[in-house]
Amino acid sequence: MELSMMTMVQLRNLQDQVTQELKQRERKDLHQARDQIMAIAEQAGITLKQLIQDGVPRTGKVAVRYRNPDNASEQWTGRGRQPIWVRSWVESGKAIELLRV
């Protein structure tokens, strides 16, 4: 197939055909992969629920890693933006490690 000899309409039609074929193959590959994974899980005695849940991060509280020595109710896990009290502490030249619980 000589692409340089094709018209724009023919090229666009070919592009549409390629896109459609790629989608079909991706669906086929996904189904085959799912079937293989399920067969392996079944052989290992693992249920679909176990297979899915073990890969999902647990939700819940994250342990507190830093506490304000002047106000114990102010705590921080170390995730996300630093609270104002942590930022003030560090900007005053004090080591953040002194806040560690």
PDB file of N, CA and C in Angstrom:
ATOM      1  N   MET A   1       0.844  -1.162   0.000  1.00  0.00           N
ATOM      2  CA  MET A   1       0.000   0.000   0.000  1.00  0.00           C
ATOM      3  C   MET A   1       0.899   1.238   0.000  1.00  0.00           C
ATOM      4  N   GLU A   2       0.782   2.054  -0.968  1.00  0.00           N
ATOM      5  CA  GLU A   2       1.595   3.269  -1.101  1.00  0.00           C
ATOM      6  C   GLU A   2       0.773   4.455  -0.598  1.00  0.00           C
ATOM      7  N   LEU A   3       1.060   4.903   0.584  1.00  0.00           N
ATOM      8  CA  LEU A   3       0.285   5.977   1.202  1.00  0.00           C
ATOM      9  C   LEU A   3       0.384   7.286   0.430  1.00  0.00           C
ATOM     10  N   SER A   4       1.528   7.547  -0.148  1.00  0.00           N
ATOM     11  CA  SER A   4       1.711   8.813  -0.863  1.00  0.00           C
ATOM     12  C   SER A   4       0.841   8.899  -2.114  1.00  0.00           C
ATOM     13  N   MET A   5       0.334   7.778  -2.569  1.00  0.00           N
ATOM     14  CA  MET A   5      -0.505   7.762  -3.765  1.00  0.00           C
ATOM     15  C   MET A   5      -1.996   7.861  -3.415  1.00  0.00           C
ATOM     16  N   MET A   6      -2.337   7.843  -2.149  1.00  0.00           N
ATOM     17  CA  MET A   6      -3.733   7.858  -1.738  1.00  0.00           C
ATOM     18  C   MET A   6      -4.244   9.290  -1.598  1.00  0.00           C
ATOM     19  N   THR A   7      -5.550   9.468  -1.834  1.00  0.00           N
ATOM     20  CA  THR A   7      -6.172  10.781  -1.659  1.00  0.00           C
ATOM     21  C   THR A   7      -6.395  11.011  -0.171  1.00  0.00           C
ATOM     22  N   MET A   8      -6.723  12.255   0.166  1.00  0.00           N
ATOM     23  CA  MET A   8      -7.001  12.589   1.565  1.00  0.00           C
ATOM     24  C   MET A   8      -8.196  11.788   2.088  1.00  0.00           C
ATOM     25  N   VAL A   9      -9.211  11.619   1.258  1.00  0.00           N
ATOM     26  CA  VAL A   9     -10.393  10.864   1.664  1.00  0.00           C
ATOM     27  C   VAL A   9     -10.005   9.411   1.948  1.00  0.00           C
ATOM     28  N   GLN A  10      -9.187   8.840   1.093  1.00  0.00           N
ATOM     29  CA  GLN A  10      -8.751   7.459   1.291  1.00  0.00           C
ATOM     30  C   GLN A  10      -7.899   7.331   2.562  1.00  0.00           C
ATOM     31  N   LEU A  11      -7.032   8.319   2.783  1.00  0.00           N
ATOM     32  CA  LEU A  11      -6.194   8.292   3.988  1.00  0.00           C
ATOM     33  C   LEU A  11      -7.037   8.405   5.257  1.00  0.00           C
ATOM     34  N   ARG A  12      -8.042   9.285   5.226  1.00  0.00           N
ATOM     35  CA  ARG A  12      -8.906   9.433   6.407  1.00  0.00           C
ATOM     36  C   ARG A  12      -9.723   8.167   6.646  1.00  0.00           C
ATOM     37  N   ASN A  13     -10.183   7.551   5.578  1.00  0.00           N
ATOM     38  CA  ASN A  13     -10.909   6.275   5.715  1.00  0.00           C
ATOM     39  C   ASN A  13     -10.007   5.208   6.308  1.00  0.00           C
ATOM     40  N   LEU A  14      -8.771   5.165   5.837  1.00  0.00           N
ATOM     41  CA  LEU A  14      -7.805   4.209   6.359  1.00  0.00           C
ATOM     42  C   LEU A  14      -7.534   4.486   7.839  1.00  0.00           C
ATOM     43  N   GLN A  15      -7.409   5.760   8.178  1.00  0.00           N
ATOM     44  CA  GLN A  15      -7.183   6.146   9.567  1.00  0.00           C
ATOM     45  C   GLN A  15      -8.347   5.682  10.447  1.00  0.00           C
ATOM     46  N   ASP A  16      -9.566   5.873   9.982  1.00  0.00           N
ATOM     47  CA  ASP A  16     -10.742   5.422  10.731  1.00  0.00           C
ATOM     48  C   ASP A  16     -10.735   3.911  10.904  1.00  0.00           C
ATOM     49  N   GLN A  17     -10.355   3.186   9.851  1.00  0.00           N
ATOM     50  CA  GLN A  17     -10.303   1.731   9.927  1.00  0.00           C
ATOM     51  C   GLN A  17      -9.249   1.276  10.937  1.00  0.00           C
ATOM     52  N   VAL A  18      -8.097   1.949  10.915  1.00  0.00           N
ATOM     53  CA  VAL A  18      -7.015   1.602  11.844  1.00  0.00           C
ATOM     54  C   VAL A  18      -7.461   1.873  13.281  1.00  0.00           C
ATOM     55  N   THR A  19      -8.092   3.016  13.508  1.00  0.00           N
ATOM     56  CA  THR A  19      -8.570   3.359  14.842  1.00  0.00           C
ATOM     57  C   THR A  19      -9.573   2.335  15.343  1.00  0.00           C
ATOM     58  N   GLN A  20     -10.498   1.953  14.491  1.00  0.00           N
ATOM     59  CA  GLN A  20     -11.508   0.969  14.850  1.00  0.00           C
ATOM     60  C   GLN A  20     -10.872  -0.394  15.158  1.00  0.00           C
ATOM     61  N   GLU A  21      -9.919  -0.792  14.332  1.00  0.00           N
ATOM     62  CA  GLU A  21      -9.243  -2.076  14.550  1.00  0.00           C
ATOM     63  C   GLU A  21      -8.453  -2.064  15.854  1.00  0.00           C
ATOM     64  N   LEU A  22      -7.796  -0.942  16.158  1.00  0.00           N
ATOM     65  CA  LEU A  22      -7.040  -0.831  17.405  1.00  0.00           C
ATOM     66  C   LEU A  22      -7.963  -0.972  18.617  1.00  0.00           C
ATOM     67  N   LYS A  23      -9.124  -0.336  18.569  1.00  0.00           N
ATOM     68  CA  LYS A  23     -10.077  -0.439  19.680  1.00  0.00           C
ATOM     69  C   LYS A  23     -10.541  -1.879  19.865  1.00  0.00           C
ATOM     70  N   GLN A  24     -10.843  -2.551  18.769  1.00  0.00           N
ATOM     71  CA  GLN A  24     -11.290  -3.941  18.848  1.00  0.00           C
ATOM     72  C   GLN A  24     -10.207  -4.836  19.432  1.00  0.00           C
ATOM     73  N   ARG A  25      -8.970  -4.641  18.996  1.00  0.00           N
ATOM     74  CA  ARG A  25      -7.869  -5.473  19.513  1.00  0.00           C
ATOM     75  C   ARG A  25      -7.597  -5.183  20.981  1.00  0.00           C
ATOM     76  N   GLU A  26      -7.696  -3.909  21.375  1.00  0.00           N
ATOM     77  CA  GLU A  26      -7.495  -3.574  22.785  1.00  0.00           C
ATOM     78  C   GLU A  26      -8.546  -4.248  23.655  1.00  0.00           C
ATOM     79  N   ARG A  27      -9.809  -4.229  23.210  1.00  0.00           N
ATOM     80  CA  ARG A  27     -10.879  -4.907  23.956  1.00  0.00           C
ATOM     81  C   ARG A  27     -10.603  -6.405  24.049  1.00  0.00           C
ATOM     82  N   LYS A  28     -10.171  -6.993  22.925  1.00  0.00           N
ATOM     83  CA  LYS A  28      -9.879  -8.427  22.892  1.00  0.00           C
ATOM     84  C   LYS A  28      -8.731  -8.754  23.849  1.00  0.00           C
ATOM     85  N   ASP A  29      -7.668  -7.957  23.800  1.00  0.00           N
ATOM     86  CA  ASP A  29      -6.525  -8.174  24.681  1.00  0.00           C
ATOM     87  C   ASP A  29      -6.920  -8.019  26.145  1.00  0.00           C
ATOM     88  N   LEU A  30      -7.766  -7.034  26.436  1.00  0.00           N
ATOM     89  CA  LEU A  30      -8.216  -6.817  27.804  1.00  0.00           C
ATOM     90  C   LEU A  30      -9.011  -8.018  28.307  1.00  0.00           C
ATOM     91  N   HIS A  31      -9.908  -8.527  27.476  1.00  0.00           N
ATOM     92  CA  HIS A  31     -10.698  -9.700  27.871  1.00  0.00           C
ATOM     93  C   HIS A  31      -9.806 -10.921  28.088  1.00  0.00           C
ATOM     94  N   GLN A  32      -8.826 -11.111  27.210  1.00  0.00           N
ATOM     95  CA  GLN A  32      -7.912 -12.248  27.365  1.00  0.00           C
ATOM     96  C   GLN A  32      -7.105 -12.111  28.647  1.00  0.00           C
ATOM     97  N   ALA A  33      -6.618 -10.905  28.917  1.00  0.00           N
ATOM     98  CA  ALA A  33      -5.832 -10.691  30.131  1.00  0.00           C
ATOM     99  C   ALA A  33      -6.685 -10.932  31.367  1.00  0.00           C
ATOM    100  N   ARG A  34      -7.919 -10.433  31.353  1.00  0.00           N
ATOM    101  CA  ARG A  34      -8.823 -10.633  32.484  1.00  0.00           C
ATOM    102  C   ARG A  34      -9.082 -12.120  32.705  1.00  0.00           C
ATOM    103  N   ASP A  35      -9.320 -12.851  31.615  1.00  0.00           N
ATOM    104  CA  ASP A  35      -9.566 -14.288  31.737  1.00  0.00           C
ATOM    105  C   ASP A  35      -8.358 -15.017  32.307  1.00  0.00           C
ATOM    106  N   GLN A  36      -7.150 -14.630  31.862  1.00  0.00           N
ATOM    107  CA  GLN A  36      -5.930 -15.260  32.373  1.00  0.00           C
ATOM    108  C   GLN A  36      -5.744 -14.965  33.858  1.00  0.00           C
ATOM    109  N   ILE A  37      -5.991 -13.714  34.241  1.00  0.00           N
ATOM    110  CA  ILE A  37      -5.841 -13.329  35.647  1.00  0.00           C
ATOM    111  C   ILE A  37      -6.831 -14.086  36.515  1.00  0.00           C
ATOM    112  N   MET A  38      -8.064 -14.175  36.050  1.00  0.00           N
ATOM    113  CA  MET A  38      -9.086 -14.883  36.817  1.00  0.00           C
ATOM    114  C   MET A  38      -8.766 -16.368  36.926  1.00  0.00           C
ATOM    115  N   ALA A  39      -8.213 -16.956  35.863  1.00  0.00           N
ATOM    116  CA  ALA A  39      -7.842 -18.373  35.904  1.00  0.00           C
ATOM    117  C   ALA A  39      -6.727 -18.600  36.920  1.00  0.00           C
ATOM    118  N   ILE A  40      -5.751 -17.708  36.954  1.00  0.00           N
ATOM    119  CA  ILE A  40      -4.660 -17.831  37.923  1.00  0.00           C
ATOM    120  C   ILE A  40      -5.198 -17.677  39.340  1.00  0.00           C
ATOM    121  N   ALA A  41      -6.058 -16.688  39.547  1.00  0.00           N
ATOM    122  CA  ALA A  41      -6.636 -16.471  40.872  1.00  0.00           C
ATOM    123  C   ALA A  41      -7.445 -17.686  41.310  1.00  0.00           C
ATOM    124  N   GLU A  42      -8.224 -18.240  40.389  1.00  0.00           N
ATOM    125  CA  GLU A  42      -9.043 -19.412  40.708  1.00  0.00           C
ATOM    126  C   GLU A  42      -8.161 -20.593  41.110  1.00  0.00           C
ATOM    127  N   GLN A  43      -7.059 -20.795  40.387  1.00  0.00           N
ATOM    128  CA  GLN A  43      -6.140 -21.887  40.714  1.00  0.00           C
ATOM    129  C   GLN A  43      -5.513 -21.685  42.089  1.00  0.00           C
ATOM    130  N   ALA A  44      -5.315 -20.426  42.469  1.00  0.00           N
ATOM    131  CA  ALA A  44      -4.715 -20.123  43.766  1.00  0.00           C
ATOM    132  C   ALA A  44      -5.751 -20.066  44.876  1.00  0.00           C
ATOM    133  N   GLY A  45      -7.022 -20.225  44.508  1.00  0.00           N
ATOM    134  CA  GLY A  45      -8.082 -20.193  45.510  1.00  0.00           C
ATOM    135  C   GLY A  45      -8.427 -18.799  45.985  1.00  0.00           C
ATOM    136  N   ILE A  46      -8.191 -17.818  45.139  1.00  0.00           N
ATOM    137  CA  ILE A  46      -8.453 -16.426  45.488  1.00  0.00           C
ATOM    138  C   ILE A  46      -9.738 -15.984  44.803  1.00  0.00           C
ATOM    139  N   THR A  47     -10.621 -15.352  45.579  1.00  0.00           N
ATOM    140  CA  THR A  47     -11.867 -14.868  45.003  1.00  0.00           C
ATOM    141  C   THR A  47     -11.631 -13.525  44.313  1.00  0.00           C
ATOM    142  N   LEU A  48     -12.571 -13.154  43.462  1.00  0.00           N
ATOM    143  CA  LEU A  48     -12.487 -11.861  42.782  1.00  0.00           C
ATOM    144  C   LEU A  48     -12.452 -10.732  43.794  1.00  0.00           C
ATOM    145  N   LYS A  49     -13.259 -10.842  44.830  1.00  0.00           N
ATOM    146  CA  LYS A  49     -13.304  -9.807  45.871  1.00  0.00           C
ATOM    147  C   LYS A  49     -11.940  -9.648  46.545  1.00  0.00           C
ATOM    148  N   GLN A  50     -11.309 -10.759  46.878  1.00  0.00           N
ATOM    149  CA  GLN A  50      -9.981 -10.701  47.504  1.00  0.00           C
ATOM    150  C   GLN A  50      -8.963 -10.096  46.552  1.00  0.00           C
ATOM    151  N   LEU A  51      -9.057 -10.479  45.310  1.00  0.00           N
ATOM    152  CA  LEU A  51      -8.113 -10.002  44.305  1.00  0.00           C
ATOM    153  C   LEU A  51      -8.198  -8.498  44.150  1.00  0.00           C
ATOM    154  N   ILE A  52      -9.404  -7.988  44.135  1.00  0.00           N
ATOM    155  CA  ILE A  52      -9.594  -6.550  43.953  1.00  0.00           C
ATOM    156  C   ILE A  52      -9.260  -5.782  45.224  1.00  0.00           C
ATOM    157  N   GLN A  53      -9.716  -6.238  46.362  1.00  0.00           N
ATOM    158  CA  GLN A  53      -9.524  -5.503  47.603  1.00  0.00           C
ATOM    159  C   GLN A  53      -8.080  -5.446  48.048  1.00  0.00           C
ATOM    160  N   ASP A  54      -7.309  -6.484  47.796  1.00  0.00           N
ATOM    161  CA  ASP A  54      -5.917  -6.473  48.241  1.00  0.00           C
ATOM    162  C   ASP A  54      -5.092  -5.428  47.499  1.00  0.00           C
ATOM    163  N   GLY A  55      -5.523  -5.020  46.331  1.00  0.00           N
ATOM    164  CA  GLY A  55      -4.783  -4.012  45.577  1.00  0.00           C
ATOM    165  C   GLY A  55      -5.231  -2.598  45.849  1.00  0.00           C
ATOM    166  N   VAL A  56      -6.308  -2.442  46.637  1.00  0.00           N
ATOM    167  CA  VAL A  56      -6.841  -1.116  46.923  1.00  0.00           C
ATOM    168  C   VAL A  56      -6.252  -0.615  48.219  1.00  0.00           C
ATOM    169  N   PRO A  57      -5.699   0.613  48.180  1.00  0.00           N
ATOM    170  CA  PRO A  57      -5.153   1.141  49.427  1.00  0.00           C
ATOM    171  C   PRO A  57      -6.241   1.284  50.484  1.00  0.00           C
ATOM    172  N   ARG A  58      -5.901   1.007  51.694  1.00  0.00           N
ATOM    173  CA  ARG A  58      -6.850   1.123  52.781  1.00  0.00           C
ATOM    174  C   ARG A  58      -7.109   2.604  53.061  1.00  0.00           C
ATOM    175  N   THR A  59      -8.344   2.900  53.349  1.00  0.00           N
ATOM    176  CA  THR A  59      -8.662   4.268  53.723  1.00  0.00           C
ATOM    177  C   THR A  59      -8.797   4.324  55.219  1.00  0.00           C
ATOM    178  N   GLY A  60      -8.644   5.461  55.753  1.00  0.00           N
ATOM    179  CA  GLY A  60      -8.748   5.616  57.192  1.00  0.00           C
ATOM    180  C   GLY A  60      -7.778   6.676  57.649  1.00  0.00           C
ATOM    181  N   LYS A  61      -7.666   6.787  58.935  1.00  0.00           N
ATOM    182  CA  LYS A  61      -6.810   7.825  59.486  1.00  0.00           C
ATOM    183  C   LYS A  61      -5.343   7.483  59.308  1.00  0.00           C
ATOM    184  N   VAL A  62      -4.582   8.532  59.095  1.00  0.00           N
ATOM    185  CA  VAL A  62      -3.134   8.428  59.000  1.00  0.00           C
ATOM    186  C   VAL A  62      -2.578   8.866  60.350  1.00  0.00           C
ATOM    187  N   ALA A  63      -1.575   8.193  60.808  1.00  0.00           N
ATOM    188  CA  ALA A  63      -1.006   8.493  62.117  1.00  0.00           C
ATOM    189  C   ALA A  63      -0.421   9.905  62.156  1.00  0.00           C
ATOM    190  N   VAL A  64      -0.596  10.536  63.280  1.00  0.00           N
ATOM    191  CA  VAL A  64      -0.038  11.868  63.508  1.00  0.00           C
ATOM    192  C   VAL A  64       1.470  11.738  63.640  1.00  0.00           C
ATOM    193  N   ARG A  65       2.195  12.604  62.945  1.00  0.00           N
ATOM    194  CA  ARG A  65       3.661  12.560  63.018  1.00  0.00           C
ATOM    195  C   ARG A  65       4.240  13.782  63.713  1.00  0.00           C
ATOM    196  N   TYR A  66       3.459  14.880  63.726  1.00  0.00           N
ATOM    197  CA  TYR A  66       3.946  16.122  64.333  1.00  0.00           C
ATOM    198  C   TYR A  66       2.866  16.709  65.235  1.00  0.00           C
ATOM    199  N   ARG A  67       3.314  17.266  66.373  1.00  0.00           N
ATOM    200  CA  ARG A  67       2.366  17.877  67.314  1.00  0.00           C
ATOM    201  C   ARG A  67       2.965  19.183  67.800  1.00  0.00           C
ATOM    202  N   ASN A  68       2.097  20.184  67.909  1.00  0.00           N
ATOM    203  CA  ASN A  68       2.521  21.495  68.395  1.00  0.00           C
ATOM    204  C   ASN A  68       2.761  21.391  69.906  1.00  0.00           C
ATOM    205  N   PRO A  69       3.982  21.681  70.383  1.00  0.00           N
ATOM    206  CA  PRO A  69       4.265  21.568  71.816  1.00  0.00           C
ATOM    207  C   PRO A  69       3.506  22.610  72.646  1.00  0.00           C
ATOM    208  N   ASP A  70       3.088  23.703  72.020  1.00  0.00           N
ATOM    209  CA  ASP A  70       2.356  24.750  72.737  1.00  0.00           C
ATOM    210  C   ASP A  70       0.852  24.493  72.758  1.00  0.00           C
ATOM    211  N   ASN A  71       0.368  23.631  71.854  1.00  0.00           N
ATOM    212  CA  ASN A  71      -1.058  23.329  71.786  1.00  0.00           C
ATOM    213  C   ASN A  71      -1.207  21.908  71.232  1.00  0.00           C
ATOM    214  N   ALA A  72      -1.355  20.945  72.119  1.00  0.00           N
ATOM    215  CA  ALA A  72      -1.374  19.528  71.735  1.00  0.00           C
ATOM    216  C   ALA A  72      -2.520  19.170  70.803  1.00  0.00           C
ATOM    217  N   SER A  73      -3.530  20.036  70.709  1.00  0.00           N
ATOM    218  CA  SER A  73      -4.649  19.739  69.809  1.00  0.00           C
ATOM    219  C   SER A  73      -4.273  20.003  68.345  1.00  0.00           C
ATOM    220  N   GLU A  74      -3.190  20.720  68.132  1.00  0.00           N
ATOM    221  CA  GLU A  74      -2.716  20.981  66.771  1.00  0.00           C
ATOM    222  C   GLU A  74      -1.737  19.879  66.381  1.00  0.00           C
ATOM    223  N   GLN A  75      -2.188  19.076  65.418  1.00  0.00           N
ATOM    224  CA  GLN A  75      -1.404  17.927  64.982  1.00  0.00           C
ATOM    225  C   GLN A  75      -1.333  17.922  63.464  1.00  0.00           C
ATOM    226  N   TRP A  76      -0.328  17.212  62.947  1.00  0.00           N
ATOM    227  CA  TRP A  76      -0.163  17.115  61.489  1.00  0.00           C
ATOM    228  C   TRP A  76       0.406  15.741  61.157  1.00  0.00           C
ATOM    229  N   THR A  77      -0.101  15.146  60.079  1.00  0.00           N
ATOM    230  CA  THR A  77       0.358  13.827  59.659  1.00  0.00           C
ATOM    231  C   THR A  77       1.641  13.892  58.843  1.00  0.00           C
ATOM    232  N   GLY A  78       1.990  15.079  58.387  1.00  0.00           N
ATOM    233  CA  GLY A  78       3.159  15.217  57.521  1.00  0.00           C
ATOM    234  C   GLY A  78       2.779  15.157  56.056  1.00  0.00           C
ATOM    235  N   ARG A  79       1.486  14.995  55.780  1.00  0.00           N
ATOM    236  CA  ARG A  79       0.991  14.947  54.411  1.00  0.00           C
ATOM    237  C   ARG A  79       0.306  16.261  54.076  1.00  0.00           C
ATOM    238  N   GLY A  80       0.381  16.611  52.810  1.00  0.00           N
ATOM    239  CA  GLY A  80      -0.292  17.837  52.380  1.00  0.00           C
ATOM    240  C   GLY A  80       0.492  19.064  52.795  1.00  0.00           C
ATOM    241  N   ARG A  81      -0.169  20.203  52.714  1.00  0.00           N
ATOM    242  CA  ARG A  81       0.475  21.468  53.059  1.00  0.00           C
ATOM    243  C   ARG A  81       0.747  21.539  54.548  1.00  0.00           C
ATOM    244  N   GLN A  82       1.831  22.207  54.857  1.00  0.00           N
ATOM    245  CA  GLN A  82       2.169  22.383  56.265  1.00  0.00           C
ATOM    246  C   GLN A  82       1.156  23.332  56.901  1.00  0.00           C
ATOM    247  N   PRO A  83       0.673  22.996  58.085  1.00  0.00           N
ATOM    248  CA  PRO A  83      -0.204  23.923  58.801  1.00  0.00           C
ATOM    249  C   PRO A  83       0.578  25.189  59.161  1.00  0.00           C
ATOM    250  N   ILE A  84      -0.154  26.244  59.442  1.00  0.00           N
ATOM    251  CA  ILE A  84       0.490  27.528  59.765  1.00  0.00           C
ATOM    252  C   ILE A  84       1.423  27.392  60.945  1.00  0.00           C
ATOM    253  N   TRP A  85       1.020  26.643  61.973  1.00  0.00           N
ATOM    254  CA  TRP A  85       1.864  26.519  63.157  1.00  0.00           C
ATOM    255  C   TRP A  85       3.179  25.804  62.845  1.00  0.00           C
ATOM    256  N   VAL A  86       3.171  24.846  61.904  1.00  0.00           N
ATOM    257  CA  VAL A  86       4.405  24.160  61.501  1.00  0.00           C
ATOM    258  C   VAL A  86       5.276  25.125  60.713  1.00  0.00           C
ATOM    259  N   ARG A  87       4.662  25.825  59.779  1.00  0.00           N
ATOM    260  CA  ARG A  87       5.412  26.766  58.948  1.00  0.00           C
ATOM    261  C   ARG A  87       6.052  27.853  59.817  1.00  0.00           C
ATOM    262  N   SER A  88       5.314  28.369  60.798  1.00  0.00           N
ATOM    263  CA  SER A  88       5.850  29.395  61.708  1.00  0.00           C
ATOM    264  C   SER A  88       7.019  28.843  62.511  1.00  0.00           C
ATOM    265  N   TRP A  89       6.877  27.617  62.968  1.00  0.00           N
ATOM    266  CA  TRP A  89       7.927  26.954  63.750  1.00  0.00           C
ATOM    267  C   TRP A  89       9.225  26.875  62.936  1.00  0.00           C
ATOM    268  N   VAL A  90       9.105  26.395  61.693  1.00  0.00           N
ATOM    269  CA  VAL A  90      10.278  26.216  60.830  1.00  0.00           C
ATOM    270  C   VAL A  90      10.868  27.569  60.453  1.00  0.00           C
ATOM    271  N   GLU A  91      10.021  28.549  60.139  1.00  0.00           N
ATOM    272  CA  GLU A  91      10.502  29.882  59.755  1.00  0.00           C
ATOM    273  C   GLU A  91      11.217  30.583  60.903  1.00  0.00           C
ATOM    274  N   SER A  92      10.894  30.202  62.139  1.00  0.00           N
ATOM    275  CA  SER A  92      11.567  30.799  63.294  1.00  0.00           C
ATOM    276  C   SER A  92      12.952  30.187  63.523  1.00  0.00           C
ATOM    277  N   GLY A  93      13.311  29.207  62.675  1.00  0.00           N
ATOM    278  CA  GLY A  93      14.642  28.617  62.754  1.00  0.00           C
ATOM    279  C   GLY A  93      14.711  27.328  63.550  1.00  0.00           C
ATOM    280  N   LYS A  94      13.579  26.848  64.005  1.00  0.00           N
ATOM    281  CA  LYS A  94      13.565  25.618  64.789  1.00  0.00           C
ATOM    282  C   LYS A  94      13.427  24.407  63.860  1.00  0.00           C
ATOM    283  N   ALA A  95      14.002  23.302  64.265  1.00  0.00           N
ATOM    284  CA  ALA A  95      13.972  22.080  63.458  1.00  0.00           C
ATOM    285  C   ALA A  95      12.605  21.416  63.556  1.00  0.00           C
ATOM    286  N   ILE A  96      12.095  21.011  62.410  1.00  0.00           N
ATOM    287  CA  ILE A  96      10.786  20.342  62.375  1.00  0.00           C
ATOM    288  C   ILE A  96      10.808  19.022  63.144  1.00  0.00           C
ATOM    289  N   GLU A  97      11.980  18.421  63.254  1.00  0.00           N
ATOM    290  CA  GLU A  97      12.108  17.153  63.979  1.00  0.00           C
ATOM    291  C   GLU A  97      11.760  17.285  65.455  1.00  0.00           C
ATOM    292  N   LEU A  98      11.846  18.499  65.973  1.00  0.00           N
ATOM    293  CA  LEU A  98      11.487  18.696  67.368  1.00  0.00           C
ATOM    294  C   LEU A  98       9.988  18.572  67.607  1.00  0.00           C
ATOM    295  N   LEU A  99       9.215  18.624  66.535  1.00  0.00           N
ATOM    296  CA  LEU A  99       7.766  18.467  66.627  1.00  0.00           C
ATOM    297  C   LEU A  99       7.321  17.022  66.476  1.00  0.00           C
ATOM    298  N   ARG A 100       8.235  16.165  66.060  1.00  0.00           N
ATOM    299  CA  ARG A 100       7.866  14.777  65.769  1.00  0.00           C
ATOM    300  C   ARG A 100       7.365  14.083  67.032  1.00  0.00           C
ATOM    301  N   VAL A 101       6.289  13.335  66.853  1.00  0.00           N
ATOM    302  CA  VAL A 101       5.668  12.605  67.958  1.00  0.00           C
ATOM    303  C   VAL A 101       6.462  11.340  68.234  1.00  0.00           C
TER     304      VAL A 101
END
